Amino acid sequence: EVHASDLVLRRLLPLAYEGLDRWGVDPARRDRLLG
């Protein structure tokens, strides 16, 4: 059990970054949106 914000920051955001990389999303756009 973890707070939703901690789950997003520690586990889900890193996955989303990698997933967008696999989709070929421009890193600058990826960083702005996930930021």
Full PDB file with SEQRES, HELIX, SHEET, SSBOND, CRYST1, ORIGX, SCALE, CONECT and MASTER records, all heavy atoms in Angstrom:
SEQRES   1 A   35  GLU VAL HIS ALA SER ASP LEU VAL LEU ARG ARG LEU LEU          
SEQRES   2 A   35  PRO LEU ALA TYR GLU GLY LEU ASP ARG TRP GLY VAL ASP          
SEQRES   3 A   35  PRO ALA ARG ARG ASP ARG LEU LEU GLY                          
HELIX    1 AA1 ALA A    4  LEU A    7  1                                   4    
HELIX    2 AA2 VAL A    8  LEU A   12  3                                   5    
HELIX    3 AA3 LEU A   13  TRP A   23  1                                  11    
HELIX    4 AA4 PRO A   27  LEU A   34  1                                   8    
CRYST1    1.000    1.000    1.000  90.00  90.00  90.00 P 1           1          
ORIGX1      1.000000  0.000000  0.000000        0.00000                         
ORIGX2      0.000000  1.000000  0.000000        0.00000                         
ORIGX3      0.000000  0.000000  1.000000        0.00000                         
SCALE1      1.000000  0.000000  0.000000        0.00000                         
SCALE2      0.000000  1.000000  0.000000        0.00000                         
SCALE3      0.000000  0.000000  1.000000        0.00000                         
ATOM      1  N   GLU A   1       0.851  -1.202   0.000  1.00  0.00           N  
ATOM      2  CA  GLU A   1       0.000   0.000   0.000  1.00  0.00           C  
ATOM      3  C   GLU A   1       0.877   1.239   0.000  1.00  0.00           C  
ATOM      4  O   GLU A   1       1.815   1.344   0.793  1.00  0.00           O  
ATOM      5  CB  GLU A   1      -0.929   0.000   1.216  1.00  0.00           C  
ATOM      6  CG  GLU A   1      -2.065  -0.954   1.051  1.00  0.00           C  
ATOM      7  CD  GLU A   1      -3.351  -0.471   1.677  1.00  0.00           C  
ATOM      8  OE1 GLU A   1      -3.374   0.598   2.311  1.00  0.00           O  
ATOM      9  OE2 GLU A   1      -4.346  -1.182   1.516  1.00  0.00           O  
ATOM     10  N   VAL A   2       0.563   2.148  -0.875  1.00  0.00           N  
ATOM     11  CA  VAL A   2       1.352   3.364  -1.050  1.00  0.00           C  
ATOM     12  C   VAL A   2       0.415   4.495  -1.471  1.00  0.00           C  
ATOM     13  O   VAL A   2      -0.627   4.248  -2.078  1.00  0.00           O  
ATOM     14  CB  VAL A   2       2.468   3.113  -2.100  1.00  0.00           C  
ATOM     15  CG1 VAL A   2       1.914   2.776  -3.458  1.00  0.00           C  
ATOM     16  CG2 VAL A   2       3.448   4.250  -2.170  1.00  0.00           C  
ATOM     17  N   HIS A   3       0.768   5.738  -1.139  1.00  0.00           N  
ATOM     18  CA  HIS A   3      -0.034   6.870  -1.596  1.00  0.00           C  
ATOM     19  C   HIS A   3      -0.008   6.935  -3.123  1.00  0.00           C  
ATOM     20  O   HIS A   3       1.031   6.651  -3.745  1.00  0.00           O  
ATOM     21  CB  HIS A   3       0.497   8.190  -1.026  1.00  0.00           C  
ATOM     22  CG  HIS A   3       0.030   8.448   0.356  1.00  0.00           C  
ATOM     23  ND1 HIS A   3       0.822   8.244   1.462  1.00  0.00           N  
ATOM     24  CD2 HIS A   3      -1.174   8.877   0.823  1.00  0.00           C  
ATOM     25  CE1 HIS A   3       0.143   8.540   2.543  1.00  0.00           C  
ATOM     26  NE2 HIS A   3      -1.074   8.918   2.186  1.00  0.00           N  
ATOM     27  N   ALA A   4      -1.117   7.329  -3.701  1.00  0.00           N  
ATOM     28  CA  ALA A   4      -1.225   7.402  -5.157  1.00  0.00           C  
ATOM     29  C   ALA A   4      -0.118   8.251  -5.756  1.00  0.00           C  
ATOM     30  O   ALA A   4       0.485   7.875  -6.773  1.00  0.00           O  
ATOM     31  CB  ALA A   4      -2.595   7.947  -5.558  1.00  0.00           C  
ATOM     32  N   SER A   5       0.177   9.396  -5.150  1.00  0.00           N  
ATOM     33  CA  SER A   5       1.223  10.260  -5.706  1.00  0.00           C  
ATOM     34  C   SER A   5       2.585   9.572  -5.666  1.00  0.00           C  
ATOM     35  O   SER A   5       3.372   9.693  -6.611  1.00  0.00           O  
ATOM     36  CB  SER A   5       1.268  11.601  -4.970  1.00  0.00           C  
ATOM     37  OG  SER A   5       1.473  11.403  -3.591  1.00  0.00           O  
ATOM     38  N   ASP A   6       2.869   8.820  -4.606  1.00  0.00           N  
ATOM     39  CA  ASP A   6       4.138   8.088  -4.532  1.00  0.00           C  
ATOM     40  C   ASP A   6       4.185   6.973  -5.571  1.00  0.00           C  
ATOM     41  O   ASP A   6       5.229   6.721  -6.179  1.00  0.00           O  
ATOM     42  CB  ASP A   6       4.352   7.508  -3.136  1.00  0.00           C  
ATOM     43  CG  ASP A   6       4.583   8.570  -2.087  1.00  0.00           C  
ATOM     44  OD1 ASP A   6       5.068   9.673  -2.444  1.00  0.00           O  
ATOM     45  OD2 ASP A   6       4.272   8.316  -0.906  1.00  0.00           O  
ATOM     46  N   LEU A   7       3.069   6.285  -5.769  1.00  0.00           N  
ATOM     47  CA  LEU A   7       2.995   5.240  -6.793  1.00  0.00           C  
ATOM     48  C   LEU A   7       3.298   5.828  -8.163  1.00  0.00           C  
ATOM     49  O   LEU A   7       4.087   5.276  -8.934  1.00  0.00           O  
ATOM     50  CB  LEU A   7       1.613   4.579  -6.779  1.00  0.00           C  
ATOM     51  CG  LEU A   7       1.325   3.565  -7.887  1.00  0.00           C  
ATOM     52  CD1 LEU A   7       2.297   2.392  -7.827  1.00  0.00           C  
ATOM     53  CD2 LEU A   7      -0.123   3.083  -7.778  1.00  0.00           C  
ATOM     54  N   VAL A   8       2.691   6.960  -8.459  1.00  0.00           N  
ATOM     55  CA  VAL A   8       2.927   7.601  -9.754  1.00  0.00           C  
ATOM     56  C   VAL A   8       4.387   8.003  -9.887  1.00  0.00           C  
ATOM     57  O   VAL A   8       5.038   7.703 -10.896  1.00  0.00           O  
ATOM     58  CB  VAL A   8       1.999   8.816  -9.947  1.00  0.00           C  
ATOM     59  CG1 VAL A   8       2.391   9.615 -11.184  1.00  0.00           C  
ATOM     60  CG2 VAL A   8       0.545   8.364 -10.057  1.00  0.00           C  
ATOM     61  N   LEU A   9       4.922   8.678  -8.882  1.00  0.00           N  
ATOM     62  CA  LEU A   9       6.292   9.188  -8.972  1.00  0.00           C  
ATOM     63  C   LEU A   9       7.338   8.074  -9.020  1.00  0.00           C  
ATOM     64  O   LEU A   9       8.285   8.149  -9.816  1.00  0.00           O  
ATOM     65  CB  LEU A   9       6.582  10.124  -7.802  1.00  0.00           C  
ATOM     66  CG  LEU A   9       5.833  11.457  -7.822  1.00  0.00           C  
ATOM     67  CD1 LEU A   9       5.981  12.165  -6.481  1.00  0.00           C  
ATOM     68  CD2 LEU A   9       6.317  12.338  -8.963  1.00  0.00           C  
ATOM     69  N   ARG A  10       7.187   7.070  -8.180  1.00  0.00           N  
ATOM     70  CA  ARG A  10       8.240   6.059  -8.037  1.00  0.00           C  
ATOM     71  C   ARG A  10       8.129   4.909  -9.037  1.00  0.00           C  
ATOM     72  O   ARG A  10       9.144   4.331  -9.412  1.00  0.00           O  
ATOM     73  CB  ARG A  10       8.232   5.502  -6.615  1.00  0.00           C  
ATOM     74  CG  ARG A  10       8.659   6.546  -5.610  1.00  0.00           C  
ATOM     75  CD  ARG A  10       8.723   6.102  -4.157  1.00  0.00           C  
ATOM     76  NE  ARG A  10       8.631   4.689  -3.902  1.00  0.00           N  
ATOM     77  CZ  ARG A  10       7.976   4.169  -2.869  1.00  0.00           C  
ATOM     78  NH1 ARG A  10       7.337   4.948  -2.020  1.00  0.00           N  
ATOM     79  NH2 ARG A  10       7.953   2.867  -2.676  1.00  0.00           N  
ATOM     80  N   ARG A  11       6.909   4.578  -9.451  1.00  0.00           N  
ATOM     81  CA  ARG A  11       6.752   3.394 -10.301  1.00  0.00           C  
ATOM     82  C   ARG A  11       6.145   3.697 -11.668  1.00  0.00           C  
ATOM     83  O   ARG A  11       6.667   3.268 -12.694  1.00  0.00           O  
ATOM     84  CB  ARG A  11       5.868   2.366  -9.566  1.00  0.00           C  
ATOM     85  CG  ARG A  11       5.589   1.119 -10.347  1.00  0.00           C  
ATOM     86  CD  ARG A  11       6.782   0.190 -10.405  1.00  0.00           C  
ATOM     87  NE  ARG A  11       6.405  -1.039 -11.088  1.00  0.00           N  
ATOM     88  CZ  ARG A  11       7.052  -1.524 -12.130  1.00  0.00           C  
ATOM     89  NH1 ARG A  11       8.122  -0.923 -12.585  1.00  0.00           N  
ATOM     90  NH2 ARG A  11       6.649  -2.631 -12.702  1.00  0.00           N  
ATOM     91  N   LEU A  12       5.041   4.435 -11.689  1.00  0.00           N  
ATOM     92  CA  LEU A  12       4.307   4.579 -12.946  1.00  0.00           C  
ATOM     93  C   LEU A  12       4.928   5.583 -13.910  1.00  0.00           C  
ATOM     94  O   LEU A  12       4.953   5.330 -15.121  1.00  0.00           O  
ATOM     95  CB  LEU A  12       2.846   4.933 -12.652  1.00  0.00           C  
ATOM     96  CG  LEU A  12       2.101   3.946 -11.747  1.00  0.00           C  
ATOM     97  CD1 LEU A  12       0.654   4.365 -11.572  1.00  0.00           C  
ATOM     98  CD2 LEU A  12       2.212   2.516 -12.269  1.00  0.00           C  
ATOM     99  N   LEU A  13       5.429   6.702 -13.409  1.00  0.00           N  
ATOM    100  CA  LEU A  13       6.061   7.669 -14.312  1.00  0.00           C  
ATOM    101  C   LEU A  13       7.276   7.093 -15.027  1.00  0.00           C  
ATOM    102  O   LEU A  13       7.407   7.287 -16.245  1.00  0.00           O  
ATOM    103  CB  LEU A  13       6.446   8.944 -13.558  1.00  0.00           C  
ATOM    104  CG  LEU A  13       5.508  10.129 -13.709  1.00  0.00           C  
ATOM    105  CD1 LEU A  13       5.983  11.304 -12.870  1.00  0.00           C  
ATOM    106  CD2 LEU A  13       5.267  10.534 -15.129  1.00  0.00           C  
ATOM    107  N   PRO A  14       8.182   6.390 -14.327  1.00  0.00           N  
ATOM    108  CA  PRO A  14       9.297   5.786 -15.064  1.00  0.00           C  
ATOM    109  C   PRO A  14       8.827   4.833 -16.171  1.00  0.00           C  
ATOM    110  O   PRO A  14       9.416   4.799 -17.258  1.00  0.00           O  
ATOM    111  CB  PRO A  14      10.082   5.041 -13.977  1.00  0.00           C  
ATOM    112  CG  PRO A  14       9.795   5.816 -12.721  1.00  0.00           C  
ATOM    113  CD  PRO A  14       8.348   6.245 -12.868  1.00  0.00           C  
ATOM    114  N   LEU A  15       7.762   4.085 -15.893  1.00  0.00           N  
ATOM    115  CA  LEU A  15       7.213   3.209 -16.932  1.00  0.00           C  
ATOM    116  C   LEU A  15       6.665   4.024 -18.099  1.00  0.00           C  
ATOM    117  O   LEU A  15       6.862   3.661 -19.265  1.00  0.00           O  
ATOM    118  CB  LEU A  15       6.111   2.322 -16.353  1.00  0.00           C  
ATOM    119  CG  LEU A  15       6.552   1.203 -15.413  1.00  0.00           C  
ATOM    120  CD1 LEU A  15       5.330   0.526 -14.788  1.00  0.00           C  
ATOM    121  CD2 LEU A  15       7.421   0.188 -16.142  1.00  0.00           C  
ATOM    122  N   ALA A  16       5.971   5.106 -17.796  1.00  0.00           N  
ATOM    123  CA  ALA A  16       5.406   5.947 -18.855  1.00  0.00           C  
ATOM    124  C   ALA A  16       6.511   6.556 -19.722  1.00  0.00           C  
ATOM    125  O   ALA A  16       6.369   6.632 -20.950  1.00  0.00           O  
ATOM    126  CB  ALA A  16       4.524   7.034 -18.259  1.00  0.00           C  
ATOM    127  N   TYR A  17       7.601   6.999 -19.101  1.00  0.00           N  
ATOM    128  CA  TYR A  17       8.734   7.535 -19.868  1.00  0.00           C  
ATOM    129  C   TYR A  17       9.246   6.480 -20.848  1.00  0.00           C  
ATOM    130  O   TYR A  17       9.446   6.763 -22.030  1.00  0.00           O  
ATOM    131  CB  TYR A  17       9.873   7.959 -18.933  1.00  0.00           C  
ATOM    132  CG  TYR A  17       9.759   9.363 -18.415  1.00  0.00           C  
ATOM    133  CD1 TYR A  17       9.174   9.626 -17.185  1.00  0.00           C  
ATOM    134  CD2 TYR A  17      10.255  10.442 -19.152  1.00  0.00           C  
ATOM    135  CE1 TYR A  17       9.075  10.915 -16.696  1.00  0.00           C  
ATOM    136  CE2 TYR A  17      10.164  11.735 -18.672  1.00  0.00           C  
ATOM    137  CZ  TYR A  17       9.571  11.975 -17.438  1.00  0.00           C  
ATOM    138  OH  TYR A  17       9.479  13.261 -16.974  1.00  0.00           O  
ATOM    139  N   GLU A  18       9.456   5.268 -20.344  1.00  0.00           N  
ATOM    140  CA  GLU A  18       9.964   4.204 -21.200  1.00  0.00           C  
ATOM    141  C   GLU A  18       8.960   3.841 -22.301  1.00  0.00           C  
ATOM    142  O   GLU A  18       9.338   3.614 -23.450  1.00  0.00           O  
ATOM    143  CB  GLU A  18      10.314   2.963 -20.371  1.00  0.00           C  
ATOM    144  CG  GLU A  18      11.009   1.897 -21.185  1.00  0.00           C  
ATOM    145  CD  GLU A  18      11.460   0.707 -20.362  1.00  0.00           C  
ATOM    146  OE1 GLU A  18      11.460   0.772 -19.117  1.00  0.00           O  
ATOM    147  OE2 GLU A  18      11.810  -0.327 -20.983  1.00  0.00           O  
ATOM    148  N   GLY A  19       7.681   3.802 -21.948  1.00  0.00           N  
ATOM    149  CA  GLY A  19       6.662   3.499 -22.944  1.00  0.00           C  
ATOM    150  C   GLY A  19       6.614   4.531 -24.059  1.00  0.00           C  
ATOM    151  O   GLY A  19       6.520   4.182 -25.240  1.00  0.00           O  
ATOM    152  N   LEU A  20       6.713   5.812 -23.709  1.00  0.00           N  
ATOM    153  CA  LEU A  20       6.714   6.849 -24.749  1.00  0.00           C  
ATOM    154  C   LEU A  20       7.968   6.757 -25.611  1.00  0.00           C  
ATOM    155  O   LEU A  20       7.917   7.005 -26.821  1.00  0.00           O  
ATOM    156  CB  LEU A  20       6.569   8.233 -24.124  1.00  0.00           C  
ATOM    157  CG  LEU A  20       5.203   8.526 -23.490  1.00  0.00           C  
ATOM    158  CD1 LEU A  20       5.179   9.931 -22.905  1.00  0.00           C  
ATOM    159  CD2 LEU A  20       4.060   8.326 -24.475  1.00  0.00           C  
ATOM    160  N   ASP A  21       9.090   6.383 -24.996  1.00  0.00           N  
ATOM    161  CA  ASP A  21      10.302   6.156 -25.794  1.00  0.00           C  
ATOM    162  C   ASP A  21      10.071   5.034 -26.801  1.00  0.00           C  
ATOM    163  O   ASP A  21      10.451   5.154 -27.972  1.00  0.00           O  
ATOM    164  CB  ASP A  21      11.490   5.797 -24.897  1.00  0.00           C  
ATOM    165  CG  ASP A  21      12.037   6.992 -24.127  1.00  0.00           C  
ATOM    166  OD1 ASP A  21      11.745   8.146 -24.501  1.00  0.00           O  
ATOM    167  OD2 ASP A  21      12.766   6.755 -23.134  1.00  0.00           O  
ATOM    168  N   ARG A  22       9.421   3.972 -26.363  1.00  0.00           N  
ATOM    169  CA  ARG A  22       9.144   2.848 -27.272  1.00  0.00           C  
ATOM    170  C   ARG A  22       8.170   3.239 -28.376  1.00  0.00           C  
ATOM    171  O   ARG A  22       8.204   2.651 -29.466  1.00  0.00           O  
ATOM    172  CB  ARG A  22       8.611   1.646 -26.499  1.00  0.00           C  
ATOM    173  CG  ARG A  22       9.680   0.998 -25.652  1.00  0.00           C  
ATOM    174  CD  ARG A  22       9.203  -0.291 -25.055  1.00  0.00           C  
ATOM    175  NE  ARG A  22      10.191  -0.835 -24.145  1.00  0.00           N  
ATOM    176  CZ  ARG A  22      10.075  -2.006 -23.551  1.00  0.00           C  
ATOM    177  NH1 ARG A  22       9.009  -2.765 -23.764  1.00  0.00           N  
ATOM    178  NH2 ARG A  22      11.007  -2.421 -22.721  1.00  0.00           N  
ATOM    179  N   TRP A  23       7.289   4.203 -28.095  1.00  0.00           N  
ATOM    180  CA  TRP A  23       6.375   4.706 -29.132  1.00  0.00           C  
ATOM    181  C   TRP A  23       7.094   5.666 -30.071  1.00  0.00           C  
ATOM    182  O   TRP A  23       6.537   6.062 -31.086  1.00  0.00           O  
ATOM    183  CB  TRP A  23       5.181   5.426 -28.516  1.00  0.00           C  
ATOM    184  CG  TRP A  23       4.133   4.557 -27.895  1.00  0.00           C  
ATOM    185  CD1 TRP A  23       3.738   4.562 -26.589  1.00  0.00           C  
ATOM    186  CD2 TRP A  23       3.313   3.575 -28.537  1.00  0.00           C  
ATOM    187  NE1 TRP A  23       2.737   3.637 -26.384  1.00  0.00           N  
ATOM    188  CE2 TRP A  23       2.459   3.019 -27.567  1.00  0.00           C  
ATOM    189  CE3 TRP A  23       3.232   3.102 -29.847  1.00  0.00           C  
ATOM    190  CZ2 TRP A  23       1.530   2.019 -27.867  1.00  0.00           C  
ATOM    191  CZ3 TRP A  23       2.301   2.105 -30.135  1.00  0.00           C  
ATOM    192  CH2 TRP A  23       1.470   1.575 -29.153  1.00  0.00           C  
ATOM    193  N   GLY A  24       8.307   6.078 -29.722  1.00  0.00           N  
ATOM    194  CA  GLY A  24       9.062   6.993 -30.572  1.00  0.00           C  
ATOM    195  C   GLY A  24       8.707   8.453 -30.360  1.00  0.00           C  
ATOM    196  O   GLY A  24       8.939   9.287 -31.241  1.00  0.00           O  
ATOM    197  N   VAL A  25       8.174   8.787 -29.198  1.00  0.00           N  
ATOM    198  CA  VAL A  25       7.814  10.179 -28.904  1.00  0.00           C  
ATOM    199  C   VAL A  25       9.092  10.991 -28.698  1.00  0.00           C  
ATOM    200  O   VAL A  25      10.034  10.531 -28.037  1.00  0.00           O  
ATOM    201  CB  VAL A  25       6.909  10.253 -27.655  1.00  0.00           C  
ATOM    202  CG1 VAL A  25       6.662  11.688 -27.222  1.00  0.00           C  
ATOM    203  CG2 VAL A  25       5.594   9.529 -27.929  1.00  0.00           C  
ATOM    204  N   ASP A  26       9.126  12.179 -29.263  1.00  0.00           N  
ATOM    205  CA  ASP A  26      10.262  13.085 -29.116  1.00  0.00           C  
ATOM    206  C   ASP A  26      10.540  13.319 -27.627  1.00  0.00           C  
ATOM    207  O   ASP A  26       9.612  13.654 -26.878  1.00  0.00           O  
ATOM    208  CB  ASP A  26       9.939  14.413 -29.807  1.00  0.00           C  
ATOM    209  CG  ASP A  26      11.008  15.445 -29.589  1.00  0.00           C  
ATOM    210  OD1 ASP A  26      12.127  15.259 -30.102  1.00  0.00           O  
ATOM    211  OD2 ASP A  26      10.724  16.443 -28.878  1.00  0.00           O  
ATOM    212  N   PRO A  27      11.787  13.139 -27.178  1.00  0.00           N  
ATOM    213  CA  PRO A  27      12.099  13.290 -25.751  1.00  0.00           C  
ATOM    214  C   PRO A  27      11.706  14.642 -25.157  1.00  0.00           C  
ATOM    215  O   PRO A  27      11.287  14.708 -24.000  1.00  0.00           O  
ATOM    216  CB  PRO A  27      13.616  13.069 -25.690  1.00  0.00           C  
ATOM    217  CG  PRO A  27      13.916  12.207 -26.873  1.00  0.00           C  
ATOM    218  CD  PRO A  27      12.948  12.660 -27.937  1.00  0.00           C  
ATOM    219  N   ALA A  28      11.829  15.718 -25.913  1.00  0.00           N  
ATOM    220  CA  ALA A  28      11.454  17.036 -25.381  1.00  0.00           C  
ATOM    221  C   ALA A  28       9.951  17.093 -25.099  1.00  0.00           C  
ATOM    222  O   ALA A  28       9.529  17.623 -24.059  1.00  0.00           O  
ATOM    223  CB  ALA A  28      11.855  18.140 -26.353  1.00  0.00           C  
ATOM    224  N   ARG A  29       9.149  16.553 -26.000  1.00  0.00           N  
ATOM    225  CA  ARG A  29       7.692  16.521 -25.773  1.00  0.00           C  
ATOM    226  C   ARG A  29       7.341  15.587 -24.626  1.00  0.00           C  
ATOM    227  O   ARG A  29       6.500  15.894 -23.791  1.00  0.00           O  
ATOM    228  CB  ARG A  29       6.961  16.086 -27.037  1.00  0.00           C  
ATOM    229  CG  ARG A  29       6.956  17.149 -28.082  1.00  0.00           C  
ATOM    230  CD  ARG A  29       6.110  16.788 -29.244  1.00  0.00           C  
ATOM    231  NE  ARG A  29       6.138  17.886 -30.190  1.00  0.00           N  
ATOM    232  CZ  ARG A  29       5.641  17.832 -31.388  1.00  0.00           C  
ATOM    233  NH1 ARG A  29       5.049  16.732 -31.800  1.00  0.00           N  
ATOM    234  NH2 ARG A  29       5.711  18.867 -32.185  1.00  0.00           N  
ATOM    235  N   ARG A  30       7.971  14.437 -24.616  1.00  0.00           N  
ATOM    236  CA  ARG A  30       7.757  13.466 -23.537  1.00  0.00           C  
ATOM    237  C   ARG A  30       8.034  14.105 -22.184  1.00  0.00           C  
ATOM    238  O   ARG A  30       7.223  14.030 -21.268  1.00  0.00           O  
ATOM    239  CB  ARG A  30       8.676  12.265 -23.755  1.00  0.00           C  
ATOM    240  CG  ARG A  30       8.635  11.225 -22.648  1.00  0.00           C  
ATOM    241  CD  ARG A  30       9.897  10.414 -22.576  1.00  0.00           C  
ATOM    242  NE  ARG A  30      11.015  11.273 -22.218  1.00  0.00           N  
ATOM    243  CZ  ARG A  30      12.286  10.993 -22.462  1.00  0.00           C  
ATOM    244  NH1 ARG A  30      12.615   9.878 -23.080  1.00  0.00           N  
ATOM    245  NH2 ARG A  30      13.244  11.810 -22.094  1.00  0.00           N  
ATOM    246  N   ASP A  31       9.184  14.766 -22.080  1.00  0.00           N  
ATOM    247  CA  ASP A  31       9.574  15.374 -20.805  1.00  0.00           C  
ATOM    248  C   ASP A  31       8.622  16.493 -20.396  1.00  0.00           C  
ATOM    249  O   ASP A  31       8.274  16.613 -19.218  1.00  0.00           O  
ATOM    250  CB  ASP A  31      11.000  15.910 -20.881  1.00  0.00           C  
ATOM    251  CG  ASP A  31      12.035  14.810 -21.011  1.00  0.00           C  
ATOM    252  OD1 ASP A  31      11.686  13.615 -20.865  1.00  0.00           O  
ATOM    253  OD2 ASP A  31      13.213  15.140 -21.285  1.00  0.00           O  
ATOM    254  N   ARG A  32       8.185  17.301 -21.356  1.00  0.00           N  
ATOM    255  CA  ARG A  32       7.259  18.392 -21.033  1.00  0.00           C  
ATOM    256  C   ARG A  32       5.929  17.843 -20.528  1.00  0.00           C  
ATOM    257  O   ARG A  32       5.407  18.293 -19.504  1.00  0.00           O  
ATOM    258  CB  ARG A  32       7.039  19.287 -22.252  1.00  0.00           C  
ATOM    259  CG  ARG A  32       6.110  20.468 -21.994  1.00  0.00           C  
ATOM    260  CD  ARG A  32       6.013  21.408 -23.186  1.00  0.00           C  
ATOM    261  NE  ARG A  32       5.644  20.763 -24.419  1.00  0.00           N  
ATOM    262  CZ  ARG A  32       4.399  20.450 -24.782  1.00  0.00           C  
ATOM    263  NH1 ARG A  32       3.387  20.734 -23.975  1.00  0.00           N  
ATOM    264  NH2 ARG A  32       4.143  19.875 -25.928  1.00  0.00           N  
ATOM    265  N   LEU A  33       5.393  16.847 -21.221  1.00  0.00           N  
ATOM    266  CA  LEU A  33       4.084  16.312 -20.846  1.00  0.00           C  
ATOM    267  C   LEU A  33       4.135  15.518 -19.549  1.00  0.00           C  
ATOM    268  O   LEU A  33       3.304  15.720 -18.660  1.00  0.00           O  
ATOM    269  CB  LEU A  33       3.520  15.462 -21.988  1.00  0.00           C  
ATOM    270  CG  LEU A  33       3.187  16.250 -23.255  1.00  0.00           C  
ATOM    271  CD1 LEU A  33       2.853  15.304 -24.397  1.00  0.00           C  
ATOM    272  CD2 LEU A  33       2.068  17.238 -23.006  1.00  0.00           C  
ATOM    273  N   LEU A  34       5.100  14.638 -19.415  1.00  0.00           N  
ATOM    274  CA  LEU A  34       5.182  13.860 -18.184  1.00  0.00           C  
ATOM    275  C   LEU A  34       5.649  14.726 -17.014  1.00  0.00           C  
ATOM    276  O   LEU A  34       5.349  14.413 -15.857  1.00  0.00           O  
ATOM    277  CB  LEU A  34       6.079  12.635 -18.371  1.00  0.00           C  
ATOM    278  CG  LEU A  34       5.514  11.590 -19.352  1.00  0.00           C  
ATOM    279  CD1 LEU A  34       6.441  10.386 -19.444  1.00  0.00           C  
ATOM    280  CD2 LEU A  34       4.102  11.165 -18.995  1.00  0.00           C  
ATOM    281  N   GLY A  35       6.320  15.826 -17.316  1.00  0.00           N  
ATOM    282  CA  GLY A  35       6.670  16.786 -16.273  1.00  0.00           C  
ATOM    283  C   GLY A  35       5.434  17.399 -15.630  1.00  0.00           C  
ATOM    284  O   GLY A  35       5.438  17.722 -14.438  1.00  0.00           O  
TER     285      GLY A  35                                                      
MASTER        0    0    0    4    0    0    0    6  284    1    0    3          
END                                                                             
